[in-house]
């Protein structure tokens, strides 16, 4: 199961522009096909080339697991169709003022953790779409849980200032071990520079050797 370094538009913040689960990955259509195909091969997924809400910051706006994908309210019908054509997966376009669901929801196929400020009806809709229980928690005292950690069905890598009580919530909710680390030479907002699933992981090209070692341990992948 591989771990490799990557860039999107020459940028190491690959998680801002893309997302992945065990079934599909979504990248902007502007990313060259040969790079999308590398992700498809290494992570054993079908790559969908589309925008979200006509925006390139897919990873910030959308969250997912293998059961479903949450999209912001301005996602288009064409984008929903493109995603559904790649996999038989739940796709929900949220009808809320919140838009950056990738930043506020952390999920794998076993559970999810959401921004504590989300209303109960929003959390319930997320749970229905992803097919898992959703709990509320901060990471490192911050509510932007989706940007502060990357979760797979094998493990979680979270912000280095993760509190012990937060670690317990994450482990109970996601049912995998939780470790801490950084990406891209010290960036603590882990998900901005790290994608992962059960088959491998992709880190921003500025990620150092010691960081890749910790990522490999946390997500059970090797370089």
N, C-alpha and C. Protein backbone atom coordinates (compact mmCIF):
# COMPACT_ATOMS: atom_id res chain seq x y z
N UNK A 1 0.86 -1.20 0.00
CA UNK A 1 0.00 0.00 0.00
C UNK A 1 0.89 1.24 0.00
N UNK A 2 0.80 2.07 -1.02
CA UNK A 2 1.81 3.10 -1.24
C UNK A 2 1.52 4.42 -0.52
N UNK A 3 2.61 5.16 -0.33
CA UNK A 3 2.56 6.55 0.10
C UNK A 3 3.43 7.33 -0.87
N UNK A 4 2.86 8.29 -1.57
CA UNK A 4 3.66 9.05 -2.51
C UNK A 4 3.37 10.54 -2.41
N UNK A 5 4.32 11.33 -2.89
CA UNK A 5 4.21 12.79 -2.82
C UNK A 5 3.62 13.32 -4.12
N UNK A 6 2.93 14.46 -4.03
CA UNK A 6 2.10 14.92 -5.15
C UNK A 6 1.94 16.43 -5.06
N UNK A 7 1.52 17.01 -6.17
CA UNK A 7 1.14 18.42 -6.16
C UNK A 7 -0.10 18.60 -7.03
N UNK A 8 -0.84 19.66 -6.78
CA UNK A 8 -1.96 20.06 -7.62
C UNK A 8 -1.72 21.51 -8.01
N UNK A 9 -1.59 21.76 -9.30
CA UNK A 9 -1.28 23.10 -9.82
C UNK A 9 0.04 23.62 -9.24
N UNK A 10 1.00 22.72 -9.00
CA UNK A 10 2.27 23.12 -8.42
C UNK A 10 2.19 23.47 -6.95
N UNK A 11 1.06 23.16 -6.33
CA UNK A 11 0.79 23.52 -4.93
C UNK A 11 0.82 22.26 -4.08
N UNK A 12 1.46 22.36 -2.91
CA UNK A 12 1.54 21.21 -2.01
C UNK A 12 0.27 21.00 -1.19
N UNK A 13 -0.65 21.94 -1.21
CA UNK A 13 -1.91 21.82 -0.44
C UNK A 13 -2.92 20.99 -1.22
N UNK A 14 -2.56 19.74 -1.47
CA UNK A 14 -3.36 18.89 -2.34
C UNK A 14 -4.75 18.60 -1.79
N UNK A 15 -4.88 18.57 -0.46
CA UNK A 15 -6.17 18.27 0.13
C UNK A 15 -7.18 19.38 0.03
N UNK A 16 -6.71 20.57 -0.29
CA UNK A 16 -7.63 21.70 -0.50
C UNK A 16 -8.38 21.51 -1.82
N UNK A 17 -7.70 20.92 -2.80
CA UNK A 17 -8.24 20.83 -4.16
C UNK A 17 -8.86 19.48 -4.50
N UNK A 18 -8.81 18.51 -3.60
CA UNK A 18 -9.27 17.17 -3.97
C UNK A 18 -9.72 16.41 -2.74
N UNK A 19 -10.44 15.30 -2.97
CA UNK A 19 -10.82 14.40 -1.89
C UNK A 19 -10.81 12.97 -2.40
N UNK A 20 -10.74 12.03 -1.44
CA UNK A 20 -10.71 10.62 -1.81
C UNK A 20 -11.38 9.79 -0.72
N UNK A 21 -12.04 8.72 -1.13
CA UNK A 21 -12.49 7.69 -0.20
C UNK A 21 -12.07 6.35 -0.80
N UNK A 22 -12.63 5.25 -0.35
CA UNK A 22 -12.20 3.94 -0.86
C UNK A 22 -12.77 3.61 -2.24
N UNK A 23 -13.65 4.47 -2.75
CA UNK A 23 -14.29 4.16 -4.03
C UNK A 23 -13.99 5.19 -5.11
N UNK A 24 -13.98 6.46 -4.76
CA UNK A 24 -13.77 7.51 -5.75
C UNK A 24 -12.81 8.57 -5.22
N UNK A 25 -12.20 9.26 -6.14
CA UNK A 25 -11.46 10.48 -5.84
C UNK A 25 -11.99 11.58 -6.75
N UNK A 26 -12.03 12.79 -6.26
CA UNK A 26 -12.50 13.92 -7.06
C UNK A 26 -11.37 14.93 -7.18
N UNK A 27 -11.03 15.25 -8.42
CA UNK A 27 -9.99 16.24 -8.72
C UNK A 27 -10.55 17.24 -9.72
N UNK A 28 -10.07 18.46 -9.70
CA UNK A 28 -10.50 19.42 -10.72
C UNK A 28 -10.13 18.93 -12.12
N UNK A 29 -10.96 19.21 -13.09
CA UNK A 29 -10.65 18.76 -14.46
C UNK A 29 -9.38 19.39 -15.02
N UNK A 30 -8.93 20.48 -14.39
CA UNK A 30 -7.71 21.16 -14.84
C UNK A 30 -6.45 20.38 -14.50
N UNK A 31 -6.53 19.41 -13.59
CA UNK A 31 -5.38 18.57 -13.26
C UNK A 31 -5.12 17.64 -14.44
N UNK A 32 -3.89 17.56 -14.94
CA UNK A 32 -3.60 16.74 -16.12
C UNK A 32 -4.02 15.29 -15.92
N UNK A 33 -4.46 14.67 -17.01
CA UNK A 33 -4.99 13.32 -16.93
C UNK A 33 -3.97 12.33 -16.40
N UNK A 34 -2.71 12.48 -16.77
CA UNK A 34 -1.71 11.51 -16.32
C UNK A 34 -1.53 11.55 -14.81
N UNK A 35 -1.75 12.73 -14.21
CA UNK A 35 -1.66 12.82 -12.76
C UNK A 35 -2.89 12.21 -12.10
N UNK A 36 -4.05 12.44 -12.68
CA UNK A 36 -5.26 11.81 -12.16
C UNK A 36 -5.17 10.29 -12.25
N UNK A 37 -4.60 9.80 -13.35
CA UNK A 37 -4.49 8.37 -13.54
C UNK A 37 -3.52 7.75 -12.54
N UNK A 38 -2.50 8.50 -12.14
CA UNK A 38 -1.58 7.98 -11.13
C UNK A 38 -2.31 7.77 -9.80
N UNK A 39 -3.15 8.74 -9.43
CA UNK A 39 -3.93 8.59 -8.20
C UNK A 39 -4.89 7.41 -8.32
N UNK A 40 -5.51 7.27 -9.47
CA UNK A 40 -6.45 6.17 -9.69
C UNK A 40 -5.75 4.82 -9.51
N UNK A 41 -4.54 4.71 -10.04
CA UNK A 41 -3.79 3.45 -9.94
C UNK A 41 -3.30 3.20 -8.52
N UNK A 42 -2.72 4.21 -7.89
CA UNK A 42 -2.08 4.02 -6.59
C UNK A 42 -3.09 3.85 -5.46
N UNK A 43 -4.24 4.51 -5.56
CA UNK A 43 -5.23 4.44 -4.49
C UNK A 43 -6.41 3.53 -4.82
N UNK A 44 -6.37 2.91 -5.99
CA UNK A 44 -7.38 1.92 -6.38
C UNK A 44 -8.79 2.51 -6.35
N UNK A 45 -8.94 3.67 -6.98
CA UNK A 45 -10.22 4.36 -7.01
C UNK A 45 -10.53 4.79 -8.44
N UNK A 46 -11.79 5.17 -8.65
CA UNK A 46 -12.20 5.81 -9.89
C UNK A 46 -12.08 7.32 -9.68
N UNK A 47 -11.31 7.99 -10.53
CA UNK A 47 -11.14 9.44 -10.40
C UNK A 47 -12.21 10.17 -11.20
N UNK A 48 -12.88 11.09 -10.55
CA UNK A 48 -13.88 11.94 -11.18
C UNK A 48 -13.26 13.31 -11.41
N UNK A 49 -13.30 13.79 -12.63
CA UNK A 49 -12.77 15.12 -12.95
C UNK A 49 -13.94 16.10 -13.00
N UNK A 50 -14.10 16.86 -11.94
CA UNK A 50 -15.19 17.83 -11.89
C UNK A 50 -14.86 18.91 -10.87
N UNK A 51 -15.61 19.97 -10.91
CA UNK A 51 -15.53 21.00 -9.89
C UNK A 51 -16.62 20.74 -8.84
N UNK A 52 -16.64 21.55 -7.81
CA UNK A 52 -17.74 21.55 -6.84
C UNK A 52 -18.21 22.99 -6.69
N UNK A 53 -19.46 23.22 -7.11
CA UNK A 53 -19.95 24.60 -7.11
C UNK A 53 -19.14 25.47 -8.04
N UNK A 54 -18.63 24.86 -9.12
CA UNK A 54 -17.78 25.51 -10.12
C UNK A 54 -16.48 26.05 -9.51
N UNK A 55 -16.13 25.51 -8.36
CA UNK A 55 -14.91 25.91 -7.66
C UNK A 55 -13.89 24.78 -7.71
N UNK A 56 -12.61 25.13 -7.62
CA UNK A 56 -11.54 24.14 -7.63
C UNK A 56 -11.19 23.62 -6.24
N UNK A 57 -11.67 24.28 -5.18
CA UNK A 57 -11.28 23.90 -3.82
C UNK A 57 -12.20 22.80 -3.29
N UNK A 58 -12.15 21.67 -3.96
CA UNK A 58 -13.06 20.54 -3.72
C UNK A 58 -12.92 20.02 -2.29
N UNK A 59 -11.68 19.87 -1.83
CA UNK A 59 -11.46 19.30 -0.52
C UNK A 59 -11.96 20.17 0.62
N UNK A 60 -12.02 21.46 0.40
CA UNK A 60 -12.56 22.36 1.43
C UNK A 60 -14.08 22.35 1.45
N UNK A 61 -14.69 22.16 0.29
CA UNK A 61 -16.14 22.30 0.17
C UNK A 61 -16.92 21.00 0.39
N UNK A 62 -16.29 19.85 0.14
CA UNK A 62 -17.00 18.58 0.18
C UNK A 62 -16.33 17.63 1.17
N UNK A 63 -17.14 16.75 1.76
CA UNK A 63 -16.60 15.68 2.60
C UNK A 63 -17.24 14.37 2.18
N UNK A 64 -16.58 13.25 2.52
CA UNK A 64 -17.10 11.97 2.03
C UNK A 64 -16.57 10.80 2.83
N UNK A 65 -17.24 9.68 2.66
CA UNK A 65 -16.69 8.36 2.92
C UNK A 65 -17.15 7.47 1.77
N UNK A 66 -16.99 6.16 1.90
CA UNK A 66 -17.35 5.29 0.78
C UNK A 66 -18.85 5.17 0.56
N UNK A 67 -19.63 5.63 1.53
CA UNK A 67 -21.09 5.55 1.42
C UNK A 67 -21.71 6.78 0.79
N UNK A 68 -21.10 7.95 0.97
CA UNK A 68 -21.74 9.16 0.51
C UNK A 68 -20.81 10.35 0.44
N UNK A 69 -21.31 11.38 -0.19
CA UNK A 69 -20.58 12.64 -0.35
C UNK A 69 -21.51 13.79 0.00
N UNK A 70 -21.02 14.70 0.82
CA UNK A 70 -21.75 15.91 1.20
C UNK A 70 -21.22 17.07 0.37
N UNK A 71 -22.12 17.77 -0.34
CA UNK A 71 -21.74 18.91 -1.18
C UNK A 71 -22.39 20.18 -0.66
N UNK A 72 -21.77 21.33 -0.92
CA UNK A 72 -22.34 22.60 -0.48
C UNK A 72 -23.59 22.96 -1.28
N UNK A 73 -24.37 23.93 -0.81
CA UNK A 73 -25.66 24.23 -1.46
C UNK A 73 -25.56 24.73 -2.89
N UNK A 74 -24.40 25.22 -3.29
CA UNK A 74 -24.27 25.76 -4.65
C UNK A 74 -23.68 24.75 -5.64
N UNK A 75 -23.57 23.49 -5.24
CA UNK A 75 -23.14 22.45 -6.18
C UNK A 75 -24.17 22.33 -7.31
N UNK A 76 -23.71 22.03 -8.51
CA UNK A 76 -24.59 21.99 -9.67
C UNK A 76 -25.06 20.57 -9.98
N UNK A 77 -26.14 20.48 -10.75
CA UNK A 77 -26.65 19.17 -11.16
C UNK A 77 -25.63 18.40 -11.98
N UNK A 78 -24.89 19.12 -12.82
CA UNK A 78 -23.87 18.47 -13.65
C UNK A 78 -22.79 17.82 -12.79
N UNK A 79 -22.41 18.50 -11.70
CA UNK A 79 -21.39 17.95 -10.80
C UNK A 79 -21.90 16.72 -10.06
N UNK A 80 -23.15 16.77 -9.62
CA UNK A 80 -23.75 15.62 -8.95
C UNK A 80 -23.81 14.43 -9.90
N UNK A 81 -24.20 14.68 -11.13
CA UNK A 81 -24.28 13.61 -12.14
C UNK A 81 -22.91 13.00 -12.41
N UNK A 82 -21.89 13.85 -12.49
CA UNK A 82 -20.53 13.35 -12.73
C UNK A 82 -20.07 12.42 -11.62
N UNK A 83 -20.37 12.80 -10.38
CA UNK A 83 -19.96 11.98 -9.24
C UNK A 83 -20.72 10.66 -9.24
N UNK A 84 -22.03 10.73 -9.45
CA UNK A 84 -22.85 9.51 -9.43
C UNK A 84 -22.52 8.58 -10.59
N UNK A 85 -22.02 9.11 -11.68
CA UNK A 85 -21.66 8.26 -12.82
C UNK A 85 -20.44 7.41 -12.53
N UNK A 86 -19.64 7.82 -11.55
CA UNK A 86 -18.43 7.09 -11.22
C UNK A 86 -18.67 5.98 -10.21
N UNK A 87 -19.68 6.15 -9.36
CA UNK A 87 -19.94 5.15 -8.32
C UNK A 87 -21.38 5.28 -7.84
N UNK A 88 -21.93 4.16 -7.42
CA UNK A 88 -23.26 4.16 -6.83
C UNK A 88 -23.13 4.60 -5.38
N UNK A 89 -23.22 5.91 -5.16
CA UNK A 89 -22.91 6.50 -3.87
C UNK A 89 -23.93 7.60 -3.56
N UNK A 90 -24.28 7.75 -2.29
CA UNK A 90 -25.19 8.83 -1.90
C UNK A 90 -24.52 10.18 -2.12
N UNK A 91 -25.24 11.09 -2.74
CA UNK A 91 -24.75 12.46 -2.92
C UNK A 91 -25.82 13.41 -2.40
N UNK A 92 -25.47 14.19 -1.39
CA UNK A 92 -26.43 15.14 -0.81
C UNK A 92 -25.90 16.55 -0.98
N UNK A 93 -26.72 17.40 -1.59
CA UNK A 93 -26.44 18.83 -1.68
C UNK A 93 -27.13 19.49 -0.50
N UNK A 94 -26.36 20.02 0.42
CA UNK A 94 -26.91 20.58 1.64
C UNK A 94 -27.62 21.91 1.38
N UNK A 95 -28.65 22.15 2.15
CA UNK A 95 -29.42 23.39 2.03
C UNK A 95 -29.20 24.21 3.30
N UNK A 96 -28.00 24.73 3.46
CA UNK A 96 -27.62 25.46 4.68
C UNK A 96 -26.76 26.65 4.32
N UNK A 97 -26.49 27.49 5.30
CA UNK A 97 -25.57 28.61 5.11
C UNK A 97 -24.12 28.15 5.14
N UNK A 98 -23.88 27.01 5.77
CA UNK A 98 -22.53 26.45 5.78
C UNK A 98 -22.17 25.95 4.38
N UNK A 99 -20.92 26.13 4.00
CA UNK A 99 -20.50 25.70 2.67
C UNK A 99 -19.25 24.82 2.70
N UNK A 100 -18.34 25.04 3.63
CA UNK A 100 -17.05 24.35 3.62
C UNK A 100 -17.12 23.05 4.41
N UNK A 101 -17.89 22.09 3.90
CA UNK A 101 -18.09 20.84 4.64
C UNK A 101 -16.83 20.01 4.75
N UNK A 102 -15.93 20.17 3.81
CA UNK A 102 -14.65 19.46 3.93
C UNK A 102 -13.84 19.92 5.12
N UNK A 103 -14.05 21.16 5.54
CA UNK A 103 -13.31 21.70 6.69
C UNK A 103 -13.96 21.37 8.02
N UNK A 104 -15.23 20.98 8.02
CA UNK A 104 -15.95 20.85 9.30
C UNK A 104 -16.47 19.45 9.58
N UNK A 105 -16.17 18.49 8.70
CA UNK A 105 -16.57 17.09 8.94
C UNK A 105 -15.38 16.19 8.64
N UNK A 106 -15.09 15.28 9.55
CA UNK A 106 -14.03 14.28 9.40
C UNK A 106 -14.69 12.92 9.43
N UNK A 107 -14.48 12.10 8.39
CA UNK A 107 -15.22 10.84 8.31
C UNK A 107 -14.38 9.71 7.74
N UNK A 108 -14.71 8.50 8.16
CA UNK A 108 -14.30 7.29 7.46
C UNK A 108 -15.54 6.41 7.34
N UNK A 109 -15.38 5.14 7.01
CA UNK A 109 -16.54 4.28 6.81
C UNK A 109 -17.11 3.74 8.11
N UNK A 110 -16.49 4.10 9.23
CA UNK A 110 -16.90 3.59 10.54
C UNK A 110 -17.57 4.65 11.42
N UNK A 111 -17.41 5.92 11.05
CA UNK A 111 -17.99 6.98 11.86
C UNK A 111 -17.59 8.34 11.32
N UNK A 112 -18.03 9.39 12.01
CA UNK A 112 -17.70 10.75 11.60
C UNK A 112 -17.67 11.67 12.81
N UNK A 113 -16.90 12.73 12.68
CA UNK A 113 -16.79 13.76 13.71
C UNK A 113 -17.08 15.10 13.04
N UNK A 114 -17.92 15.91 13.67
CA UNK A 114 -18.36 17.16 13.05
C UNK A 114 -18.09 18.36 13.96
N UNK A 115 -18.01 19.49 13.36
CA UNK A 115 -17.93 20.78 14.04
C UNK A 115 -19.04 20.88 15.09
N UNK A 116 -18.70 21.14 16.36
CA UNK A 116 -19.73 21.18 17.40
C UNK A 116 -20.79 22.26 17.19
N UNK A 117 -20.52 23.22 16.33
CA UNK A 117 -21.47 24.32 16.11
C UNK A 117 -22.59 23.95 15.13
N UNK A 118 -22.48 22.80 14.48
CA UNK A 118 -23.52 22.40 13.53
C UNK A 118 -24.81 22.05 14.24
N UNK A 119 -25.92 22.44 13.65
CA UNK A 119 -27.23 22.15 14.23
C UNK A 119 -27.56 20.66 14.09
N UNK A 120 -28.42 20.20 14.98
CA UNK A 120 -28.73 18.77 15.03
C UNK A 120 -29.29 18.27 13.72
N UNK A 121 -30.16 19.05 13.07
CA UNK A 121 -30.75 18.58 11.82
C UNK A 121 -29.70 18.45 10.72
N UNK A 122 -28.68 19.30 10.75
CA UNK A 122 -27.59 19.21 9.78
C UNK A 122 -26.76 17.96 10.05
N UNK A 123 -26.44 17.73 11.31
CA UNK A 123 -25.69 16.53 11.70
C UNK A 123 -26.44 15.26 11.30
N UNK A 124 -27.76 15.26 11.50
CA UNK A 124 -28.57 14.10 11.13
C UNK A 124 -28.53 13.83 9.63
N UNK A 125 -28.53 14.90 8.84
CA UNK A 125 -28.48 14.74 7.38
C UNK A 125 -27.13 14.20 6.94
N UNK A 126 -26.08 14.67 7.58
CA UNK A 126 -24.74 14.16 7.30
C UNK A 126 -24.68 12.67 7.63
N UNK A 127 -25.22 12.30 8.80
CA UNK A 127 -25.22 10.90 9.22
C UNK A 127 -25.98 10.02 8.24
N UNK A 128 -27.12 10.49 7.77
CA UNK A 128 -27.92 9.73 6.81
C UNK A 128 -27.17 9.52 5.50
N UNK A 129 -26.48 10.56 5.04
CA UNK A 129 -25.76 10.47 3.76
C UNK A 129 -24.55 9.57 3.86
N UNK A 130 -23.78 9.71 4.93
CA UNK A 130 -22.55 8.93 5.09
C UNK A 130 -22.80 7.55 5.67
N UNK A 131 -24.01 7.33 6.20
CA UNK A 131 -24.36 6.02 6.73
C UNK A 131 -23.62 5.63 7.99
N UNK A 132 -23.22 6.62 8.79
CA UNK A 132 -22.49 6.37 10.03
C UNK A 132 -22.99 7.30 11.12
N UNK A 133 -22.66 6.98 12.36
CA UNK A 133 -22.96 7.87 13.47
C UNK A 133 -22.01 9.06 13.44
N UNK A 134 -22.55 10.23 13.71
CA UNK A 134 -21.75 11.46 13.74
C UNK A 134 -21.73 12.02 15.16
N UNK A 135 -20.53 12.27 15.67
CA UNK A 135 -20.40 12.90 16.98
C UNK A 135 -19.75 14.27 16.81
N UNK A 136 -19.88 15.11 17.81
CA UNK A 136 -19.33 16.46 17.76
C UNK A 136 -18.06 16.55 18.61
N UNK A 137 -17.05 17.21 18.10
CA UNK A 137 -15.82 17.39 18.85
C UNK A 137 -14.95 18.45 18.20
N UNK A 138 -14.08 19.04 19.00
CA UNK A 138 -13.00 19.87 18.49
C UNK A 138 -11.76 19.00 18.25
N UNK A 139 -10.80 19.57 17.55
CA UNK A 139 -9.45 19.00 17.46
C UNK A 139 -8.49 20.14 17.77
N UNK A 140 -7.63 19.93 18.75
CA UNK A 140 -6.71 20.98 19.20
C UNK A 140 -7.47 22.23 19.65
N UNK A 141 -8.68 22.01 20.19
CA UNK A 141 -9.48 23.12 20.67
C UNK A 141 -10.15 23.92 19.57
N UNK A 142 -10.09 23.44 18.33
CA UNK A 142 -10.63 24.14 17.18
C UNK A 142 -11.76 23.34 16.55
N UNK A 143 -12.77 24.01 15.98
CA UNK A 143 -13.94 23.29 15.44
C UNK A 143 -13.77 22.78 14.02
N UNK A 144 -12.69 23.17 13.34
CA UNK A 144 -12.54 22.85 11.91
C UNK A 144 -11.94 21.46 11.74
N UNK A 145 -12.68 20.46 12.24
CA UNK A 145 -12.13 19.11 12.36
C UNK A 145 -11.75 18.49 11.03
N UNK A 146 -12.45 18.85 9.97
CA UNK A 146 -12.15 18.28 8.67
C UNK A 146 -10.82 18.70 8.11
N UNK A 147 -10.38 19.91 8.48
CA UNK A 147 -9.09 20.39 7.98
C UNK A 147 -7.93 20.02 8.89
N UNK A 148 -8.25 19.60 10.11
CA UNK A 148 -7.23 19.35 11.13
C UNK A 148 -6.80 17.90 11.21
N UNK A 149 -7.39 17.02 10.43
CA UNK A 149 -7.04 15.60 10.46
C UNK A 149 -7.44 14.93 9.15
N UNK A 150 -6.76 13.82 8.86
CA UNK A 150 -7.13 12.94 7.75
C UNK A 150 -7.45 11.57 8.34
N UNK A 151 -8.60 11.02 7.97
CA UNK A 151 -9.04 9.73 8.51
C UNK A 151 -9.23 8.72 7.39
N UNK A 152 -8.80 7.49 7.63
CA UNK A 152 -9.08 6.37 6.74
C UNK A 152 -9.67 5.24 7.59
N UNK A 153 -9.93 4.12 6.96
CA UNK A 153 -10.43 2.97 7.70
C UNK A 153 -9.34 2.23 8.46
N UNK A 154 -8.11 2.76 8.39
CA UNK A 154 -6.98 2.15 9.10
C UNK A 154 -6.41 3.04 10.20
N UNK A 155 -6.62 4.34 10.08
CA UNK A 155 -6.05 5.23 11.08
C UNK A 155 -6.37 6.69 10.83
N UNK A 156 -5.94 7.53 11.77
CA UNK A 156 -6.15 8.97 11.69
C UNK A 156 -4.83 9.68 11.99
N UNK A 157 -4.50 10.68 11.20
CA UNK A 157 -3.41 11.60 11.53
C UNK A 157 -4.03 12.95 11.81
N UNK A 158 -3.76 13.50 13.00
CA UNK A 158 -4.41 14.73 13.45
C UNK A 158 -3.38 15.79 13.84
N UNK A 159 -3.86 16.98 14.03
CA UNK A 159 -3.09 18.15 14.46
C UNK A 159 -2.23 17.78 15.68
N UNK A 160 -0.97 18.23 15.71
CA UNK A 160 -0.08 17.83 16.81
C UNK A 160 -0.50 18.33 18.19
N UNK A 161 -1.39 19.30 18.26
CA UNK A 161 -1.86 19.81 19.55
C UNK A 161 -3.16 19.14 19.98
N UNK A 162 -3.48 18.00 19.38
CA UNK A 162 -4.66 17.23 19.77
C UNK A 162 -4.63 16.93 21.27
N UNK A 163 -5.76 17.20 21.93
CA UNK A 163 -5.85 16.94 23.37
C UNK A 163 -6.22 15.47 23.61
N UNK A 164 -5.84 14.97 24.77
CA UNK A 164 -6.07 13.56 25.06
C UNK A 164 -7.55 13.21 25.05
N UNK A 165 -8.40 14.11 25.59
CA UNK A 165 -9.83 13.83 25.59
C UNK A 165 -10.40 13.86 24.17
N UNK A 166 -9.82 14.69 23.29
CA UNK A 166 -10.24 14.72 21.89
C UNK A 166 -9.80 13.43 21.19
N UNK A 167 -8.62 12.95 21.49
CA UNK A 167 -8.14 11.71 20.91
C UNK A 167 -9.10 10.56 21.21
N UNK A 168 -9.57 10.52 22.45
CA UNK A 168 -10.49 9.45 22.84
C UNK A 168 -11.79 9.54 22.05
N UNK A 169 -12.31 10.76 21.86
CA UNK A 169 -13.54 10.94 21.09
C UNK A 169 -13.32 10.46 19.65
N UNK A 170 -12.20 10.84 19.04
CA UNK A 170 -11.92 10.43 17.67
C UNK A 170 -11.79 8.91 17.56
N UNK A 171 -11.08 8.30 18.49
CA UNK A 171 -10.91 6.85 18.43
C UNK A 171 -12.23 6.12 18.63
N UNK A 172 -13.05 6.62 19.54
CA UNK A 172 -14.36 5.99 19.77
C UNK A 172 -15.28 6.15 18.56
N UNK A 173 -15.24 7.35 17.94
CA UNK A 173 -16.15 7.63 16.82
C UNK A 173 -15.71 6.94 15.54
N UNK A 174 -14.42 6.98 15.24
CA UNK A 174 -13.91 6.49 13.96
C UNK A 174 -13.40 5.05 14.04
N UNK A 175 -13.26 4.56 15.27
CA UNK A 175 -12.93 3.15 15.53
C UNK A 175 -11.62 2.72 14.89
N UNK A 176 -10.64 3.62 14.91
CA UNK A 176 -9.29 3.34 14.44
C UNK A 176 -8.30 4.08 15.34
N UNK A 177 -7.03 3.68 15.32
CA UNK A 177 -6.02 4.41 16.12
C UNK A 177 -5.82 5.83 15.60
N UNK A 178 -5.47 6.72 16.52
CA UNK A 178 -5.26 8.13 16.18
C UNK A 178 -3.83 8.52 16.55
N UNK A 179 -3.12 9.11 15.61
CA UNK A 179 -1.77 9.63 15.85
C UNK A 179 -1.76 11.11 15.48
N UNK A 180 -0.66 11.78 15.80
CA UNK A 180 -0.55 13.20 15.49
C UNK A 180 0.69 13.45 14.64
N UNK A 181 0.64 14.53 13.86
CA UNK A 181 1.77 14.87 13.02
C UNK A 181 1.47 16.10 12.18
N UNK A 182 2.35 16.38 11.24
CA UNK A 182 2.21 17.53 10.35
C UNK A 182 2.48 17.08 8.92
N UNK A 183 2.23 17.99 7.99
CA UNK A 183 2.51 17.74 6.57
C UNK A 183 3.22 18.96 6.00
N UNK A 184 3.81 18.79 4.82
CA UNK A 184 4.39 19.92 4.07
C UNK A 184 5.32 20.78 4.92
N UNK A 185 6.24 20.08 5.62
CA UNK A 185 7.29 20.77 6.39
C UNK A 185 6.72 21.59 7.54
N UNK A 186 5.82 20.97 8.32
CA UNK A 186 5.38 21.58 9.56
C UNK A 186 3.98 22.14 9.59
N UNK A 187 3.18 21.94 8.55
CA UNK A 187 1.81 22.45 8.53
C UNK A 187 0.93 21.55 9.41
N UNK A 188 0.29 22.11 10.46
CA UNK A 188 -0.51 21.28 11.36
C UNK A 188 -1.92 20.99 10.85
N UNK A 189 -2.38 21.74 9.85
CA UNK A 189 -3.70 21.50 9.25
C UNK A 189 -3.53 20.32 8.28
N UNK A 190 -3.54 19.13 8.87
CA UNK A 190 -3.11 17.92 8.19
C UNK A 190 -3.84 17.69 6.87
N UNK A 191 -5.16 17.85 6.87
CA UNK A 191 -5.94 17.50 5.69
C UNK A 191 -5.66 18.41 4.49
N UNK A 192 -5.06 19.57 4.71
CA UNK A 192 -4.73 20.44 3.58
C UNK A 192 -3.64 19.83 2.71
N UNK A 193 -2.86 18.91 3.27
CA UNK A 193 -1.76 18.34 2.50
C UNK A 193 -1.70 16.84 2.50
N UNK A 194 -2.81 16.17 2.82
CA UNK A 194 -2.79 14.71 2.91
C UNK A 194 -4.12 14.10 2.52
N UNK A 195 -4.09 13.17 1.57
CA UNK A 195 -5.24 12.36 1.18
C UNK A 195 -4.92 10.91 1.52
N UNK A 196 -5.94 10.15 1.92
CA UNK A 196 -5.68 8.75 2.19
C UNK A 196 -6.93 7.91 2.13
N UNK A 197 -6.73 6.62 1.83
CA UNK A 197 -7.82 5.64 1.93
C UNK A 197 -7.22 4.31 2.36
N UNK A 198 -7.97 3.23 2.25
CA UNK A 198 -7.49 1.93 2.72
C UNK A 198 -6.35 1.37 1.87
N UNK A 199 -6.12 1.97 0.69
CA UNK A 199 -5.15 1.44 -0.24
C UNK A 199 -3.84 2.22 -0.28
N UNK A 200 -3.81 3.41 0.29
CA UNK A 200 -2.59 4.20 0.26
C UNK A 200 -2.84 5.62 0.70
N UNK A 201 -1.83 6.46 0.50
CA UNK A 201 -1.93 7.87 0.89
C UNK A 201 -1.13 8.73 -0.07
N UNK A 202 -1.55 9.99 -0.19
CA UNK A 202 -0.89 10.97 -1.04
C UNK A 202 -0.64 12.21 -0.20
N UNK A 203 0.63 12.62 -0.12
CA UNK A 203 0.98 13.80 0.67
C UNK A 203 1.53 14.90 -0.23
N UNK A 204 1.41 16.12 0.21
CA UNK A 204 1.97 17.25 -0.53
C UNK A 204 3.47 17.09 -0.71
N UNK A 205 3.99 17.60 -1.83
CA UNK A 205 5.38 17.33 -2.20
C UNK A 205 6.40 17.97 -1.26
N UNK A 206 5.98 18.89 -0.40
CA UNK A 206 6.89 19.50 0.57
C UNK A 206 7.01 18.69 1.86
N UNK A 207 6.26 17.62 1.96
CA UNK A 207 6.28 16.77 3.15
C UNK A 207 7.66 16.14 3.32
N UNK A 208 8.20 16.22 4.53
CA UNK A 208 9.56 15.76 4.80
C UNK A 208 9.61 14.26 5.08
N UNK A 209 10.82 13.72 5.10
CA UNK A 209 11.01 12.32 5.42
C UNK A 209 10.45 11.92 6.77
N UNK A 210 10.78 12.67 7.84
CA UNK A 210 10.19 12.33 9.14
C UNK A 210 8.66 12.40 9.15
N UNK A 211 8.10 13.36 8.41
CA UNK A 211 6.64 13.46 8.33
C UNK A 211 6.05 12.26 7.61
N UNK A 212 6.69 11.84 6.51
CA UNK A 212 6.15 10.69 5.78
C UNK A 212 6.24 9.42 6.63
N UNK A 213 7.26 9.32 7.46
CA UNK A 213 7.37 8.15 8.34
C UNK A 213 6.17 8.11 9.30
N UNK A 214 5.85 9.25 9.90
CA UNK A 214 4.72 9.31 10.84
C UNK A 214 3.41 9.05 10.12
N UNK A 215 3.26 9.62 8.92
CA UNK A 215 2.04 9.37 8.13
C UNK A 215 1.90 7.87 7.85
N UNK A 216 3.00 7.26 7.44
CA UNK A 216 2.95 5.84 7.13
C UNK A 216 2.55 5.00 8.33
N UNK A 217 3.06 5.36 9.51
CA UNK A 217 2.69 4.65 10.72
C UNK A 217 1.22 4.87 11.06
N UNK A 218 0.78 6.12 10.96
CA UNK A 218 -0.59 6.47 11.37
C UNK A 218 -1.63 5.84 10.47
N UNK A 219 -1.39 5.87 9.15
CA UNK A 219 -2.38 5.39 8.19
C UNK A 219 -2.07 3.99 7.67
N UNK A 220 -1.02 3.37 8.22
CA UNK A 220 -0.65 2.01 7.87
C UNK A 220 -0.36 1.88 6.38
N UNK A 221 0.51 2.77 5.89
CA UNK A 221 0.97 2.71 4.50
C UNK A 221 2.49 2.83 4.49
N UNK A 222 3.11 2.52 3.37
CA UNK A 222 4.56 2.61 3.26
C UNK A 222 4.92 3.40 2.02
N UNK A 223 6.10 4.04 2.08
CA UNK A 223 6.55 4.81 0.93
C UNK A 223 7.31 3.91 -0.03
